[in-house]
Amino acid sequence: MVITIDGLSGNGKTTLADMIANHLGFKRVSAGDFFRCITYEMLTKGLDIDNNRDQTIEYLNTLDISYDDNNNVLLNGINVTDAIRTKEVSINSSKVANNKDVQNIVTLLQRHYLDKNNVVLDGRDVGTRVAPDADYKFYIYADKETRVKRLMAEKPDVDRVEIEKELDARDLYDLRGNFVRPMGAFEIETSNKTLEQVFGEMIEKIDPNKPRTIIEAND
């Protein structure tokens, strides 16, 4: 079974994906992890997709991105969970994610993984681009103040001004890209709700015994 959760940064989608995956015994996959892995690999290997497109695309298509039993992110079998969450990777990942070639690579890598696992997948447009035929699709959203506070709780060592700047920058990149609300998704506004309340609403809509949809791993 494949469940997608879409939304911009700070809406709680990653936490909700964790909660649902743990509840159902599924893998939790974040589209952001795939983009971060590619960004990390490009930074550490000095890859330039703008000036060396064909060779870079060929190399990136060979990457193996997966998760272990503890949901650590594995890049070619190596745990990079912490390495892909540095400030440098975070700043560059939104820019990398807007590259059409990278989007196509990530889509295929994700579909290969979805084809083999029961997954809760969260991202910004995964219910549209990656798994439009997902068994269940959710779109969650919240006002900016709520999103800022959630990000502050996640990053207590970062001041509010920096978090707001980062959020505005990520929104700008996302909204200039292909971000759209997925058709057929359950839409849930989360501003005045705890994530536990939203989790309850989402679980009520999911039948874990529903026959899974086949996700085609091709373009």
C-alpha atoms as a PDB file:
ATOM      1  CA  MET A   1       0.000   0.000   0.000  1.00  0.00           C
ATOM      2  CA  VAL A   2       1.163   3.526  -0.753  1.00  0.00           C
ATOM      3  CA  ILE A   3      -0.017   6.560   1.216  1.00  0.00           C
ATOM      4  CA  THR A   4       1.111  10.053   0.216  1.00  0.00           C
ATOM      5  CA  ILE A   5       1.170  13.219   2.320  1.00  0.00           C
ATOM      6  CA  ASP A   6       1.765  16.511   0.521  1.00  0.00           C
ATOM      7  CA  GLY A   7       2.330  19.986   1.878  1.00  0.00           C
ATOM      8  CA  LEU A   8       4.832  22.822   2.171  1.00  0.00           C
ATOM      9  CA  SER A   9       7.526  22.981   4.858  1.00  0.00           C
ATOM     10  CA  GLY A  10       6.420  23.210   8.486  1.00  0.00           C
ATOM     11  CA  ASN A  11       2.980  21.689   8.008  1.00  0.00           C
ATOM     12  CA  GLY A  12       3.815  18.602  10.066  1.00  0.00           C
ATOM     13  CA  LYS A  13       3.796  16.139   7.185  1.00  0.00           C
ATOM     14  CA  THR A  14       7.028  14.381   8.162  1.00  0.00           C
ATOM     15  CA  THR A  15       5.932  13.866  11.766  1.00  0.00           C
ATOM     16  CA  LEU A  16       2.516  12.657  10.602  1.00  0.00           C
ATOM     17  CA  ALA A  17       4.133  10.300   8.097  1.00  0.00           C
ATOM     18  CA  ASP A  18       6.235   8.848  10.928  1.00  0.00           C
ATOM     19  CA  MET A  19       3.159   8.400  13.130  1.00  0.00           C
ATOM     20  CA  ILE A  20       1.115   6.694  10.410  1.00  0.00           C
ATOM     21  CA  ALA A  21       3.983   4.479   9.259  1.00  0.00           C
ATOM     22  CA  ASN A  22       4.661   3.354  12.827  1.00  0.00           C
ATOM     23  CA  HIS A  23       0.961   2.707  13.415  1.00  0.00           C
ATOM     24  CA  LEU A  24       0.582   0.602  10.267  1.00  0.00           C
ATOM     25  CA  GLY A  25       4.018  -1.017  10.328  1.00  0.00           C
ATOM     26  CA  PHE A  26       4.945   0.618   6.999  1.00  0.00           C
ATOM     27  CA  LYS A  27       8.161   2.228   5.814  1.00  0.00           C
ATOM     28  CA  ARG A  28       8.227   6.008   6.074  1.00  0.00           C
ATOM     29  CA  VAL A  29       9.800   7.605   3.020  1.00  0.00           C
ATOM     30  CA  SER A  30      10.443  11.320   2.640  1.00  0.00           C
ATOM     31  CA  ALA A  31      10.816  12.795  -0.822  1.00  0.00           C
ATOM     32  CA  GLY A  32      13.082  15.341   0.829  1.00  0.00           C
ATOM     33  CA  ASP A  33      15.489  12.574   1.831  1.00  0.00           C
ATOM     34  CA  PHE A  34      15.956  11.623  -1.818  1.00  0.00           C
ATOM     35  CA  PHE A  35      16.605  15.215  -2.879  1.00  0.00           C
ATOM     36  CA  ARG A  36      18.951  15.671   0.080  1.00  0.00           C
ATOM     37  CA  CYS A  37      20.866  12.521  -0.846  1.00  0.00           C
ATOM     38  CA  ILE A  38      21.331  13.763  -4.387  1.00  0.00           C
ATOM     39  CA  THR A  39      22.329  17.217  -3.114  1.00  0.00           C
ATOM     40  CA  TYR A  40      24.809  15.656  -0.680  1.00  0.00           C
ATOM     41  CA  GLU A  41      26.304  13.497  -3.418  1.00  0.00           C
ATOM     42  CA  MET A  42      26.602  16.451  -5.800  1.00  0.00           C
ATOM     43  CA  LEU A  43      28.306  18.573  -3.127  1.00  0.00           C
ATOM     44  CA  THR A  44      30.721  15.898  -1.940  1.00  0.00           C
ATOM     45  CA  LYS A  45      31.582  14.720  -5.474  1.00  0.00           C
ATOM     46  CA  GLY A  46      31.671  18.202  -6.994  1.00  0.00           C
ATOM     47  CA  LEU A  47      29.031  17.339  -9.593  1.00  0.00           C
ATOM     48  CA  ASP A  48      27.632  20.085 -11.829  1.00  0.00           C
ATOM     49  CA  ILE A  49      24.444  19.114 -13.615  1.00  0.00           C
ATOM     50  CA  ASP A  50      24.288  22.452 -15.481  1.00  0.00           C
ATOM     51  CA  ASN A  51      27.705  22.183 -17.127  1.00  0.00           C
ATOM     52  CA  ASN A  52      28.096  18.398 -17.240  1.00  0.00           C
ATOM     53  CA  ARG A  53      24.499  17.265 -17.657  1.00  0.00           C
ATOM     54  CA  ASP A  54      24.672  13.877 -19.352  1.00  0.00           C
ATOM     55  CA  GLN A  55      27.457  12.406 -17.235  1.00  0.00           C
ATOM     56  CA  THR A  56      25.921  13.734 -14.013  1.00  0.00           C
ATOM     57  CA  ILE A  57      22.467  12.327 -14.830  1.00  0.00           C
ATOM     58  CA  GLU A  58      23.977   8.964 -15.742  1.00  0.00           C
ATOM     59  CA  TYR A  59      25.798   8.832 -12.402  1.00  0.00           C
ATOM     60  CA  LEU A  60      22.851   9.997 -10.280  1.00  0.00           C
ATOM     61  CA  ASN A  61      20.625   7.334 -11.825  1.00  0.00           C
ATOM     62  CA  THR A  62      22.909   4.665 -10.351  1.00  0.00           C
ATOM     63  CA  LEU A  63      22.412   5.807  -6.751  1.00  0.00           C
ATOM     64  CA  ASP A  64      20.777   3.395  -4.342  1.00  0.00           C
ATOM     65  CA  ILE A  65      18.654   5.256  -1.777  1.00  0.00           C
ATOM     66  CA  SER A  66      16.797   3.188   0.808  1.00  0.00           C
ATOM     67  CA  TYR A  67      15.951   2.864   4.505  1.00  0.00           C
ATOM     68  CA  ASP A  68      17.018   0.380   7.154  1.00  0.00           C
ATOM     69  CA  ASP A  69      14.729  -1.158   9.785  1.00  0.00           C
ATOM     70  CA  ASN A  70      15.235   1.892  12.028  1.00  0.00           C
ATOM     71  CA  ASN A  71      14.281   4.232   9.164  1.00  0.00           C
ATOM     72  CA  ASN A  72      17.814   5.554   8.786  1.00  0.00           C
ATOM     73  CA  VAL A  73      18.541   6.870   5.295  1.00  0.00           C
ATOM     74  CA  LEU A  74      21.022   4.752   3.351  1.00  0.00           C
ATOM     75  CA  LEU A  75      22.916   6.089   0.353  1.00  0.00           C
ATOM     76  CA  ASN A  76      24.630   3.242  -1.481  1.00  0.00           C
ATOM     77  CA  GLY A  77      24.360   1.245   1.735  1.00  0.00           C
ATOM     78  CA  ILE A  78      25.909   3.928   3.968  1.00  0.00           C
ATOM     79  CA  ASN A  79      23.926   5.646   6.735  1.00  0.00           C
ATOM     80  CA  VAL A  80      23.751   9.350   5.778  1.00  0.00           C
ATOM     81  CA  THR A  81      20.822  10.335   8.014  1.00  0.00           C
ATOM     82  CA  ASP A  82      22.794  13.077   9.787  1.00  0.00           C
ATOM     83  CA  ALA A  83      25.043  13.987   6.855  1.00  0.00           C
ATOM     84  CA  ILE A  84      22.099  14.999   4.641  1.00  0.00           C
ATOM     85  CA  ARG A  85      20.653  17.306   7.296  1.00  0.00           C
ATOM     86  CA  THR A  86      23.482  19.815   7.524  1.00  0.00           C
ATOM     87  CA  LYS A  87      22.775  23.482   6.864  1.00  0.00           C
ATOM     88  CA  GLU A  88      24.711  23.363   3.581  1.00  0.00           C
ATOM     89  CA  VAL A  89      22.650  20.474   2.261  1.00  0.00           C
ATOM     90  CA  SER A  90      19.404  22.082   3.444  1.00  0.00           C
ATOM     91  CA  ILE A  91      20.142  25.365   1.691  1.00  0.00           C
ATOM     92  CA  ASN A  92      21.093  23.713  -1.581  1.00  0.00           C
ATOM     93  CA  SER A  93      18.462  20.960  -1.672  1.00  0.00           C
ATOM     94  CA  SER A  94      15.559  23.261  -2.576  1.00  0.00           C
ATOM     95  CA  LYS A  95      17.557  24.633  -5.509  1.00  0.00           C
ATOM     96  CA  VAL A  96      18.522  21.145  -6.635  1.00  0.00           C
ATOM     97  CA  ALA A  97      14.914  19.999  -6.274  1.00  0.00           C
ATOM     98  CA  ASN A  98      13.772  22.556  -8.850  1.00  0.00           C
ATOM     99  CA  ASN A  99      15.976  21.011 -11.537  1.00  0.00           C
ATOM    100  CA  LYS A 100      13.746  19.038 -13.934  1.00  0.00           C
ATOM    101  CA  ASP A 101      16.372  16.356 -14.527  1.00  0.00           C
ATOM    102  CA  VAL A 102      16.789  15.811 -10.788  1.00  0.00           C
ATOM    103  CA  GLN A 103      13.018  15.650 -10.352  1.00  0.00           C
ATOM    104  CA  ASN A 104      12.817  12.897 -12.961  1.00  0.00           C
ATOM    105  CA  ILE A 105      15.662  10.962 -11.325  1.00  0.00           C
ATOM    106  CA  VAL A 106      14.082  11.206  -7.876  1.00  0.00           C
ATOM    107  CA  THR A 107      10.687  10.149  -9.226  1.00  0.00           C
ATOM    108  CA  LEU A 108      12.121   6.962 -10.727  1.00  0.00           C
ATOM    109  CA  LEU A 109      14.217   6.155  -7.635  1.00  0.00           C
ATOM    110  CA  GLN A 110      11.169   6.598  -5.418  1.00  0.00           C
ATOM    111  CA  ARG A 111       8.903   4.517  -7.641  1.00  0.00           C
ATOM    112  CA  HIS A 112      11.380   1.641  -7.580  1.00  0.00           C
ATOM    113  CA  TYR A 113      11.276   1.763  -3.787  1.00  0.00           C
ATOM    114  CA  LEU A 114       7.479   2.090  -3.605  1.00  0.00           C
ATOM    115  CA  ASP A 115       7.063  -0.886  -5.889  1.00  0.00           C
ATOM    116  CA  LYS A 116       8.713  -3.147  -3.297  1.00  0.00           C
ATOM    117  CA  ASN A 117       7.392  -1.805   0.014  1.00  0.00           C
ATOM    118  CA  ASN A 118       4.322  -0.642   1.935  1.00  0.00           C
ATOM    119  CA  VAL A 119       5.109   3.037   2.283  1.00  0.00           C
ATOM    120  CA  VAL A 120       3.948   6.338   3.715  1.00  0.00           C
ATOM    121  CA  LEU A 121       5.537   8.922   1.428  1.00  0.00           C
ATOM    122  CA  ASP A 122       5.686  12.602   2.318  1.00  0.00           C
ATOM    123  CA  GLY A 123       6.780  15.511   0.162  1.00  0.00           C
ATOM    124  CA  ARG A 124       5.614  18.592  -1.697  1.00  0.00           C
ATOM    125  CA  ASP A 125       4.010  17.014  -4.758  1.00  0.00           C
ATOM    126  CA  VAL A 126       4.436  13.269  -4.308  1.00  0.00           C
ATOM    127  CA  GLY A 127       0.713  12.619  -4.730  1.00  0.00           C
ATOM    128  CA  THR A 128       0.892  14.304  -8.125  1.00  0.00           C
ATOM    129  CA  ARG A 129       4.248  13.421  -9.660  1.00  0.00           C
ATOM    130  CA  VAL A 130       5.530  10.310  -7.874  1.00  0.00           C
ATOM    131  CA  ALA A 131       2.440   8.303  -6.962  1.00  0.00           C
ATOM    132  CA  PRO A 132      -0.701   9.773  -8.566  1.00  0.00           C
ATOM    133  CA  ASP A 133      -2.354   6.349  -8.169  1.00  0.00           C
ATOM    134  CA  ALA A 134      -1.523   6.022  -4.473  1.00  0.00           C
ATOM    135  CA  ASP A 135      -4.066   4.141  -2.363  1.00  0.00           C
ATOM    136  CA  TYR A 136      -4.588   7.193  -0.130  1.00  0.00           C
ATOM    137  CA  LYS A 137      -3.534  10.791  -0.699  1.00  0.00           C
ATOM    138  CA  PHE A 138      -3.525  13.616   1.820  1.00  0.00           C
ATOM    139  CA  TYR A 139      -2.813  17.320   1.462  1.00  0.00           C
ATOM    140  CA  ILE A 140      -2.140  19.181   4.712  1.00  0.00           C
ATOM    141  CA  TYR A 141      -1.700  22.899   5.208  1.00  0.00           C
ATOM    142  CA  ALA A 142      -1.396  25.498   7.972  1.00  0.00           C
ATOM    143  CA  ASP A 143      -0.954  29.254   8.360  1.00  0.00           C
ATOM    144  CA  LYS A 144       2.570  30.683   8.352  1.00  0.00           C
ATOM    145  CA  GLU A 145       2.687  31.395  12.104  1.00  0.00           C
ATOM    146  CA  THR A 146       1.879  27.779  12.915  1.00  0.00           C
ATOM    147  CA  ARG A 147       4.497  26.566  10.457  1.00  0.00           C
ATOM    148  CA  VAL A 148       7.163  28.857  11.922  1.00  0.00           C
ATOM    149  CA  LYS A 149       6.411  27.652  15.460  1.00  0.00           C
ATOM    150  CA  ARG A 150       6.633  24.012  14.394  1.00  0.00           C
ATOM    151  CA  LEU A 151       9.982  24.592  12.739  1.00  0.00           C
ATOM    152  CA  MET A 152      11.209  26.453  15.830  1.00  0.00           C
ATOM    153  CA  ALA A 153      10.281  23.446  17.952  1.00  0.00           C
ATOM    154  CA  GLU A 154      12.253  21.212  15.572  1.00  0.00           C
ATOM    155  CA  LYS A 155      15.250  23.556  15.576  1.00  0.00           C
ATOM    156  CA  PRO A 156      15.522  25.083  19.070  1.00  0.00           C
ATOM    157  CA  ASP A 157      19.056  26.347  18.406  1.00  0.00           C
ATOM    158  CA  VAL A 158      17.991  28.437  15.400  1.00  0.00           C
ATOM    159  CA  ASP A 159      16.461  31.881  15.970  1.00  0.00           C
ATOM    160  CA  ARG A 160      13.062  32.832  14.603  1.00  0.00           C
ATOM    161  CA  VAL A 161      14.351  35.331  12.028  1.00  0.00           C
ATOM    162  CA  GLU A 162      16.566  32.715  10.380  1.00  0.00           C
ATOM    163  CA  ILE A 163      13.750  30.155  10.386  1.00  0.00           C
ATOM    164  CA  GLU A 164      11.366  32.630   8.735  1.00  0.00           C
ATOM    165  CA  LYS A 165      13.949  33.482   6.078  1.00  0.00           C
ATOM    166  CA  GLU A 166      14.579  29.800   5.362  1.00  0.00           C
ATOM    167  CA  LEU A 167      10.838  29.067   5.224  1.00  0.00           C
ATOM    168  CA  ASP A 168      10.180  31.977   2.860  1.00  0.00           C
ATOM    169  CA  ALA A 169      13.049  30.895   0.611  1.00  0.00           C
ATOM    170  CA  ARG A 170      11.860  27.282   0.485  1.00  0.00           C
ATOM    171  CA  ASP A 171       8.277  28.361  -0.220  1.00  0.00           C
ATOM    172  CA  LEU A 172       9.491  30.591  -3.046  1.00  0.00           C
ATOM    173  CA  TYR A 173      11.407  27.746  -4.684  1.00  0.00           C
ATOM    174  CA  ASP A 174       8.574  25.272  -4.159  1.00  0.00           C
ATOM    175  CA  LEU A 175       5.799  27.519  -5.434  1.00  0.00           C
ATOM    176  CA  ARG A 176       7.826  28.519  -8.480  1.00  0.00           C
ATOM    177  CA  GLY A 177       8.295  24.846  -9.257  1.00  0.00           C
ATOM    178  CA  ASN A 178       5.683  22.194  -9.962  1.00  0.00           C
ATOM    179  CA  PHE A 179       3.955  22.272  -6.584  1.00  0.00           C
ATOM    180  CA  VAL A 180       0.212  21.624  -6.883  1.00  0.00           C
ATOM    181  CA  ARG A 181      -2.418  20.143  -4.635  1.00  0.00           C
ATOM    182  CA  PRO A 182      -2.846  16.496  -5.633  1.00  0.00           C
ATOM    183  CA  MET A 183      -6.172  15.612  -7.208  1.00  0.00           C
ATOM    184  CA  GLY A 184      -8.349  13.326  -5.120  1.00  0.00           C
ATOM    185  CA  ALA A 185      -6.458  14.015  -1.891  1.00  0.00           C
ATOM    186  CA  PHE A 186      -8.088  14.436   1.494  1.00  0.00           C
ATOM    187  CA  GLU A 187      -7.344  18.066   2.455  1.00  0.00           C
ATOM    188  CA  ILE A 188      -6.765  18.797   6.152  1.00  0.00           C
ATOM    189  CA  GLU A 189      -6.077  22.220   7.685  1.00  0.00           C
ATOM    190  CA  THR A 190      -3.792  21.735  10.708  1.00  0.00           C
ATOM    191  CA  SER A 191      -3.317  25.258  12.147  1.00  0.00           C
ATOM    192  CA  ASN A 192      -5.574  24.905  15.175  1.00  0.00           C
ATOM    193  CA  LYS A 193      -5.081  21.181  15.747  1.00  0.00           C
ATOM    194  CA  THR A 194      -2.469  19.086  17.454  1.00  0.00           C
ATOM    195  CA  LEU A 195      -0.687  16.627  15.209  1.00  0.00           C
ATOM    196  CA  GLU A 196      -2.279  13.859  17.289  1.00  0.00           C
ATOM    197  CA  GLN A 197      -5.710  15.170  16.276  1.00  0.00           C
ATOM    198  CA  VAL A 198      -4.701  15.294  12.603  1.00  0.00           C
ATOM    199  CA  PHE A 199      -3.250  11.793  12.888  1.00  0.00           C
ATOM    200  CA  GLY A 200      -6.602  10.571  14.214  1.00  0.00           C
ATOM    201  CA  GLU A 201      -8.456  12.131  11.280  1.00  0.00           C
ATOM    202  CA  MET A 202      -6.101  10.533   8.784  1.00  0.00           C
ATOM    203  CA  ILE A 203      -6.153   7.056  10.315  1.00  0.00           C
ATOM    204  CA  GLU A 204      -9.965   7.058  10.252  1.00  0.00           C
ATOM    205  CA  LYS A 205      -9.836   7.381   6.460  1.00  0.00           C
ATOM    206  CA  ILE A 206      -7.342   4.524   5.902  1.00  0.00           C
ATOM    207  CA  ASP A 207      -8.370   0.909   5.480  1.00  0.00           C
ATOM    208  CA  PRO A 208      -5.139  -1.084   6.026  1.00  0.00           C
ATOM    209  CA  ASN A 209      -6.698  -4.136   4.351  1.00  0.00           C
ATOM    210  CA  LYS A 210      -7.388  -2.385   1.046  1.00  0.00           C
ATOM    211  CA  PRO A 211      -5.644  -4.188  -1.875  1.00  0.00           C
ATOM    212  CA  ARG A 212      -2.588  -2.182  -2.829  1.00  0.00           C
ATOM    213  CA  THR A 213      -2.244  -0.252  -6.060  1.00  0.00           C
ATOM    214  CA  ILE A 214       0.693  -1.145  -8.291  1.00  0.00           C
ATOM    215  CA  ILE A 215       3.093   1.787  -8.701  1.00  0.00           C
ATOM    216  CA  GLU A 216       4.731   1.595 -12.112  1.00  0.00           C
ATOM    217  CA  ALA A 217       8.479   2.239 -11.829  1.00  0.00           C
ATOM    218  CA  ASN A 218       8.859   3.986 -15.160  1.00  0.00           C
ATOM    219  CA  ASP A 219       8.314   7.375 -16.752  1.00  0.00           C
END
